[in-house]
Protein backbone atom coordinates (compact mmCIF):
# COMPACT_ATOMS: atom_id res chain seq x y z
CA UNK A 1 19.25 -16.96 2.39
CA UNK A 2 18.04 -17.50 -1.18
CA UNK A 3 17.26 -13.79 -1.42
CA UNK A 4 20.74 -12.89 -0.18
CA UNK A 5 22.54 -15.03 -2.78
CA UNK A 6 20.16 -13.88 -5.53
CA UNK A 7 21.03 -10.27 -4.71
CA UNK A 8 24.73 -11.17 -4.51
CA UNK A 9 24.86 -12.62 -8.01
CA UNK A 10 22.72 -9.85 -9.51
CA UNK A 11 24.94 -7.32 -7.77
CA UNK A 12 28.07 -8.98 -9.22
CA UNK A 13 26.55 -9.03 -12.70
CA UNK A 14 25.53 -5.37 -12.63
CA UNK A 15 28.44 -4.08 -10.52
CA UNK A 16 29.44 -0.59 -11.56
CA UNK A 17 25.90 0.30 -12.63
CA UNK A 18 23.21 2.06 -10.61
CA UNK A 19 21.32 -1.21 -10.21
CA UNK A 20 24.39 -3.10 -9.00
CA UNK A 21 25.42 -0.28 -6.66
CA UNK A 22 21.96 -0.30 -5.12
CA UNK A 23 22.13 -4.04 -4.45
CA UNK A 24 25.62 -3.76 -3.00
CA UNK A 25 24.44 -0.96 -0.69
CA UNK A 26 21.85 -3.28 0.81
CA UNK A 27 24.21 -6.25 1.06
CA UNK A 28 26.90 -4.17 2.78
CA UNK A 29 24.42 -2.95 5.38
CA UNK A 30 23.19 -6.48 6.00
CA UNK A 31 26.68 -7.98 6.35
CA UNK A 32 27.99 -5.27 8.67
CA UNK A 33 24.76 -5.12 10.67
CA UNK A 34 24.15 -1.47 9.90
CA UNK A 35 20.67 -0.09 10.33
CA UNK A 36 18.54 -0.43 7.20
CA UNK A 37 15.99 2.26 6.38
CA UNK A 38 12.40 1.43 7.24
CA UNK A 39 10.73 -0.60 4.51
CA UNK A 40 7.96 2.02 4.55
CA UNK A 41 9.54 5.45 4.78
CA UNK A 42 9.19 8.91 3.23
CA UNK A 43 11.15 8.29 0.03
CA UNK A 44 8.00 8.31 -2.09
CA UNK A 45 7.84 12.07 -1.55
CA UNK A 46 10.20 12.19 -4.55
CA UNK A 47 7.41 10.85 -6.75
CA UNK A 48 5.16 13.79 -5.81
CA UNK A 49 7.46 16.61 -6.95
CA UNK A 50 5.55 17.45 -10.11
CA UNK A 51 2.81 19.28 -8.21
CA UNK A 52 2.76 23.03 -7.49
CA UNK A 53 1.96 22.26 -3.85
CA UNK A 54 3.40 19.43 -1.74
CA UNK A 55 1.63 16.07 -1.71
CA UNK A 56 2.73 12.81 -0.14
CA UNK A 57 1.00 10.02 -2.04
CA UNK A 58 2.62 6.61 -1.98
CA UNK A 59 0.08 4.22 -3.52
CA UNK A 60 0.16 2.55 -6.95
CA UNK A 61 -2.38 5.00 -8.35
CA UNK A 62 -5.52 4.80 -10.47
CA UNK A 63 -4.26 5.98 -13.86
CA UNK A 64 -7.43 6.43 -15.90
CA UNK A 65 -7.13 9.75 -17.73
CA UNK A 66 -3.86 10.84 -16.13
CA UNK A 67 -0.10 10.35 -16.23
CA UNK A 68 0.49 12.33 -13.02
CA UNK A 69 1.54 10.37 -9.94
CA UNK A 70 -0.18 12.70 -7.42
CA UNK A 71 -3.40 12.71 -9.47
CA UNK A 72 -3.34 8.93 -9.82
CA UNK A 73 -2.81 8.54 -6.06
CA UNK A 74 -5.69 10.88 -5.34
CA UNK A 75 -7.87 9.05 -7.86
CA UNK A 76 -7.30 5.69 -6.18
CA UNK A 77 -8.28 7.12 -2.80
CA UNK A 78 -11.46 8.61 -4.29
CA UNK A 79 -12.33 5.32 -6.01
CA UNK A 80 -12.06 3.50 -2.69
CA UNK A 81 -14.06 6.22 -0.96
CA UNK A 82 -16.90 5.98 -3.48
CA UNK A 83 -16.76 2.18 -3.33
CA UNK A 84 -17.07 2.31 0.47
CA UNK A 85 -19.96 4.81 0.20
CA UNK A 86 -18.29 7.29 2.54
CA UNK A 87 -20.72 9.73 4.13
CA UNK A 88 -20.56 12.70 6.48
CA UNK A 89 -21.73 10.61 9.45
CA UNK A 90 -18.87 8.11 9.12
CA UNK A 91 -16.28 7.53 11.81
CA UNK A 92 -13.32 5.92 10.02
CA UNK A 93 -10.36 3.79 10.96
CA UNK A 94 -7.62 3.98 8.32
CA UNK A 95 -4.96 1.27 8.76
CA UNK A 96 -1.65 1.84 6.94
CA UNK A 97 -2.27 5.49 6.08
CA UNK A 98 1.18 6.16 4.61
CA UNK A 99 2.19 9.79 5.04
CA UNK A 100 -1.42 10.82 5.55
CA UNK A 101 -2.33 12.40 2.22
CA UNK A 102 -5.52 10.30 2.02
CA UNK A 103 -6.92 12.08 5.09
CA UNK A 104 -7.40 15.09 2.81
CA UNK A 105 -9.74 12.87 0.78
CA UNK A 106 -11.63 11.25 3.66
CA UNK A 107 -12.02 14.50 5.63
CA UNK A 108 -11.71 17.22 2.98
CA UNK A 109 -13.42 15.62 -0.03
CA UNK A 110 -15.94 13.19 1.48
CA UNK A 111 -16.28 15.25 4.69
CA UNK A 112 -16.51 12.27 7.01
CA UNK A 113 -17.15 12.97 10.68
CA UNK A 114 -13.85 11.75 12.15
CA UNK A 115 -10.76 9.71 11.27
CA UNK A 116 -8.48 7.51 13.30
CA UNK A 117 -5.29 6.23 11.67
CA UNK A 118 -2.82 3.46 12.51
CA UNK A 119 0.57 3.12 10.79
CA UNK A 120 3.53 0.83 11.45
CA UNK A 121 6.07 3.28 9.99
CA UNK A 122 7.53 5.76 12.47
CA UNK A 123 8.91 7.98 9.70
CA UNK A 124 5.54 8.20 7.96
CA UNK A 125 3.63 8.73 11.21
CA UNK A 126 5.99 11.54 12.20
CA UNK A 127 5.50 13.16 8.79
CA UNK A 128 1.73 12.95 9.16
CA UNK A 129 1.85 14.43 12.66
CA UNK A 130 3.89 17.36 11.39
CA UNK A 131 2.16 18.13 8.09
CA UNK A 132 -1.38 16.68 8.14
CA UNK A 133 -2.58 16.49 11.74
CA UNK A 134 -2.44 20.30 12.27
CA UNK A 135 -4.76 20.80 9.29
CA UNK A 136 -7.59 18.70 10.70
CA UNK A 137 -6.85 19.00 14.45
CA UNK A 138 -9.73 17.53 16.49
CA UNK A 139 -11.17 15.57 13.53
CA UNK A 140 -8.10 13.32 13.23
CA UNK A 141 -6.29 11.00 15.63
CA UNK A 142 -3.26 8.98 14.53
CA UNK A 143 -1.28 6.21 16.20
CA UNK A 144 2.10 4.64 15.53
CA UNK A 145 1.80 0.85 15.74
CA UNK A 146 -0.22 -2.03 14.34
CA UNK A 147 -3.77 -3.28 14.71
CA UNK A 148 -2.41 -5.68 17.35
CA UNK A 149 -0.65 -3.00 19.45
CA UNK A 150 -3.08 -0.07 19.31
CA UNK A 151 -6.05 -0.51 21.62
CA UNK A 152 -9.31 1.09 20.47
CA UNK A 153 -12.89 0.60 21.74
CA UNK A 154 -14.97 -2.13 20.12
CA UNK A 155 -17.83 -1.14 17.77
CA UNK A 156 -16.36 2.36 17.41
CA UNK A 157 -16.21 2.71 13.61
CA UNK A 158 -18.72 2.79 10.78
CA UNK A 159 -15.99 2.13 8.19
CA UNK A 160 -12.51 0.61 8.20
CA UNK A 161 -10.37 1.53 5.17
CA UNK A 162 -7.06 0.14 3.93
CA UNK A 163 -5.68 1.90 0.86
CA UNK A 164 -2.99 -0.07 -1.02
CA UNK A 165 -1.48 -1.54 2.13
CA UNK A 166 -3.32 -4.69 3.25
CA UNK A 167 -1.17 -7.11 1.27
CA UNK A 168 1.82 -5.96 3.35
CA UNK A 169 0.17 -6.92 6.66
CA UNK A 170 1.52 -9.94 8.53
CA UNK A 171 -1.73 -11.89 8.01
CA UNK A 172 -4.81 -10.49 6.24
CA UNK A 173 -7.15 -13.12 7.63
CA UNK A 174 -6.15 -12.31 11.20
CA UNK A 175 -6.61 -8.61 10.43
CA UNK A 176 -10.15 -9.24 9.15
CA UNK A 177 -11.05 -10.83 12.48
CA UNK A 178 -9.53 -8.09 14.61
CA UNK A 179 -11.21 -5.17 12.83
CA UNK A 180 -14.54 -7.01 12.81
CA UNK A 181 -14.81 -6.23 16.54
CA UNK A 182 -14.00 -2.56 15.92
CA UNK A 183 -16.85 -2.13 13.42
CA UNK A 184 -20.32 -1.09 14.44
CA UNK A 185 -23.20 -3.32 13.45
CA UNK A 186 -23.74 -2.71 9.73
CA UNK A 187 -20.23 -1.28 9.42
CA UNK A 188 -18.08 -1.80 6.32
CA UNK A 189 -14.50 -2.92 5.75
CA UNK A 190 -13.20 -1.64 2.38
CA UNK A 191 -9.72 -2.06 0.94
CA UNK A 192 -7.63 -2.38 -2.21
CA UNK A 193 -5.58 -5.53 -2.65
CA UNK A 194 -3.50 -7.68 -4.97
CA UNK A 195 -5.14 -11.05 -5.67
CA UNK A 196 -3.50 -13.99 -7.42
CA UNK A 197 -5.04 -14.97 -10.76
CA UNK A 198 -6.73 -18.38 -10.59
CA UNK A 199 -5.82 -19.27 -14.19
CA UNK A 200 -2.07 -18.96 -13.60
CA UNK A 201 0.15 -21.18 -11.49
CA UNK A 202 2.32 -18.88 -9.42
CA UNK A 203 5.98 -19.82 -10.03
CA UNK A 204 8.30 -20.11 -7.06
CA UNK A 205 10.40 -17.12 -8.14
CA UNK A 206 7.28 -14.92 -8.33
CA UNK A 207 6.21 -16.01 -4.85
CA UNK A 208 9.67 -15.10 -3.61
CA UNK A 209 9.71 -11.75 -5.38
CA UNK A 210 6.39 -10.94 -3.75
CA UNK A 211 7.89 -11.81 -0.37
CA UNK A 212 10.91 -9.60 -1.09
CA UNK A 213 8.43 -6.84 -1.92
CA UNK A 214 6.81 -7.14 1.49
CA UNK A 215 3.92 -9.46 0.58
CA UNK A 216 4.01 -12.53 2.86
CA UNK A 217 3.10 -15.91 1.39
CA UNK A 218 0.03 -16.08 3.63
CA UNK A 219 -1.32 -12.96 1.86
CA UNK A 220 -0.87 -14.32 -1.67
CA UNK A 221 -4.55 -15.20 -2.10
CA UNK A 222 -6.99 -15.61 -4.98
CA UNK A 223 -10.25 -13.66 -5.04
CA UNK A 224 -12.18 -16.77 -3.98
CA UNK A 225 -9.80 -17.27 -1.06
CA UNK A 226 -10.26 -13.64 -0.03
CA UNK A 227 -14.04 -14.02 -0.07
CA UNK A 228 -13.85 -17.26 1.90
CA UNK A 229 -11.59 -15.68 4.52
CA UNK A 230 -13.93 -12.71 4.99
CA UNK A 231 -16.95 -14.97 5.21
CA UNK A 232 -15.26 -17.15 7.85
CA UNK A 233 -14.63 -14.05 9.95
CA UNK A 234 -18.35 -13.20 9.89
CA UNK A 235 -18.62 -10.66 7.06
CA UNK A 236 -21.53 -10.59 4.62
CA UNK A 237 -22.39 -8.86 1.32
CA UNK A 238 -18.82 -9.31 0.08
CA UNK A 239 -18.12 -7.45 -3.17
CA UNK A 240 -14.96 -7.50 -5.28
CA UNK A 241 -14.20 -5.30 -8.31
CA UNK A 242 -11.18 -5.86 -10.56
CA UNK A 243 -9.57 -2.50 -11.45
CA UNK A 244 -6.30 -3.90 -12.88
CA UNK A 245 -6.64 -2.15 -16.30
CA UNK A 246 -6.35 1.22 -14.54
CA UNK A 247 -3.41 0.28 -12.30
CA UNK A 248 -0.43 -1.65 -13.63
CA UNK A 249 0.21 -0.14 -17.08
CA UNK A 250 0.00 3.45 -15.87
CA UNK A 251 2.16 2.76 -12.83
CA UNK A 252 4.80 1.01 -14.94
CA UNK A 253 4.95 3.82 -17.49
CA UNK A 254 5.31 6.46 -14.80
CA UNK A 255 8.06 4.58 -12.93
CA UNK A 256 9.93 3.92 -16.16
CA UNK A 257 9.96 7.59 -17.13
CA UNK A 258 10.63 8.74 -13.57
CA UNK A 259 13.60 6.41 -13.09
CA UNK A 260 15.12 7.47 -16.40
CA UNK A 261 14.66 11.18 -15.70
CA UNK A 262 15.92 11.03 -12.10
CA UNK A 263 18.82 8.60 -12.62
CA UNK A 264 21.48 11.19 -11.87
CA UNK A 265 20.02 12.34 -8.54
CA UNK A 266 18.46 9.22 -7.00
CA UNK A 267 20.45 7.26 -4.46
CA UNK A 268 21.35 3.81 -5.84
CA UNK A 269 19.03 1.84 -3.56
CA UNK A 270 16.10 4.09 -4.50
CA UNK A 271 16.83 3.71 -8.19
CA UNK A 272 16.90 -0.04 -7.64
CA UNK A 273 13.61 0.10 -5.74
CA UNK A 274 11.79 1.93 -8.52
CA UNK A 275 13.47 -0.10 -11.24
CA UNK A 276 12.30 -3.36 -9.63
CA UNK A 277 8.78 -1.98 -9.19
CA UNK A 278 8.66 -0.99 -12.87
CA UNK A 279 9.86 -4.42 -14.01
CA UNK A 280 7.37 -6.16 -11.71
CA UNK A 281 4.36 -4.18 -12.89
CA UNK A 282 5.27 -4.59 -16.56
CA UNK A 283 6.23 -8.24 -16.78
CA UNK A 284 4.71 -10.02 -13.77
CA UNK A 285 1.82 -8.15 -12.16
CA UNK A 286 -0.51 -8.10 -15.15
CA UNK A 287 0.23 -11.77 -15.84
CA UNK A 288 -0.23 -13.20 -12.36
CA UNK A 289 -2.16 -10.63 -10.32
CA UNK A 290 -5.52 -8.86 -10.19
CA UNK A 291 -5.65 -5.47 -8.49
CA UNK A 292 -9.01 -5.33 -6.76
CA UNK A 293 -11.26 -3.28 -4.51
CA UNK A 294 -13.03 -5.29 -1.84
CA UNK A 295 -15.77 -4.42 0.63
CA UNK A 296 -17.62 -6.49 3.18
CA UNK A 297 -20.28 -5.74 5.78
CA UNK A 298 -20.62 -6.65 9.44
CA UNK A 299 -24.19 -7.90 9.87
């Protein structure tokens, strides 16, 4: 309810602008019970248009040495792959695979043995089935659903990867426990995440903005809380690396320039989406959040 009235007053204030029109689009759909687009859909394809060939990255990107969204997305996947020590023998479970572009990294760059993917978004899963699955055929299996709804054999995987998605899950701690059973002995869970800074008290409005952005309160954890949760689920050799300097500034700068350049052709709610993301990364993320890579081992 607070979110509704917040959007209402912001929409009134900015009515007649692209930002206000975007807010009013959402409010109208809510009030008249019209179907909203999936929270995770294929709209981020627009961010990939600078490439000569089509890509479908949708992560925040690792911006060291680049200002290109597709390159930054690819870089973040490679950073996680190196961090997880991916090898040709690995059988991987990728949870929250987006539109599937990262399978080109796991299978085409690191040459892992096989990938399984789970994704909650029907639109993204359909895109992956159409554009990515035919490339890798028998080396890739994908499923539409969640870790709770897709049944896979226990101790099947050497690695479980989550690239820029885990903070959107309903409960990270519960997820840690569920995938623990899927890992082989000695297997590794590796993911990127947003962790709350311990030296900053998180204001109520920031907590609520995170929730509006698809990050439940239960997932708004510090690094110490993340480590404790993994340890309680039975993981060992927990390692966390802060990569924030290569994430937020580059992502903000790209979104700012993209939104300005595409203002005339973006639908209002998309312009609002990217505008809010740019504001968040510039003024809030670097102040209250660490962007981290985490890995933990099943003993």
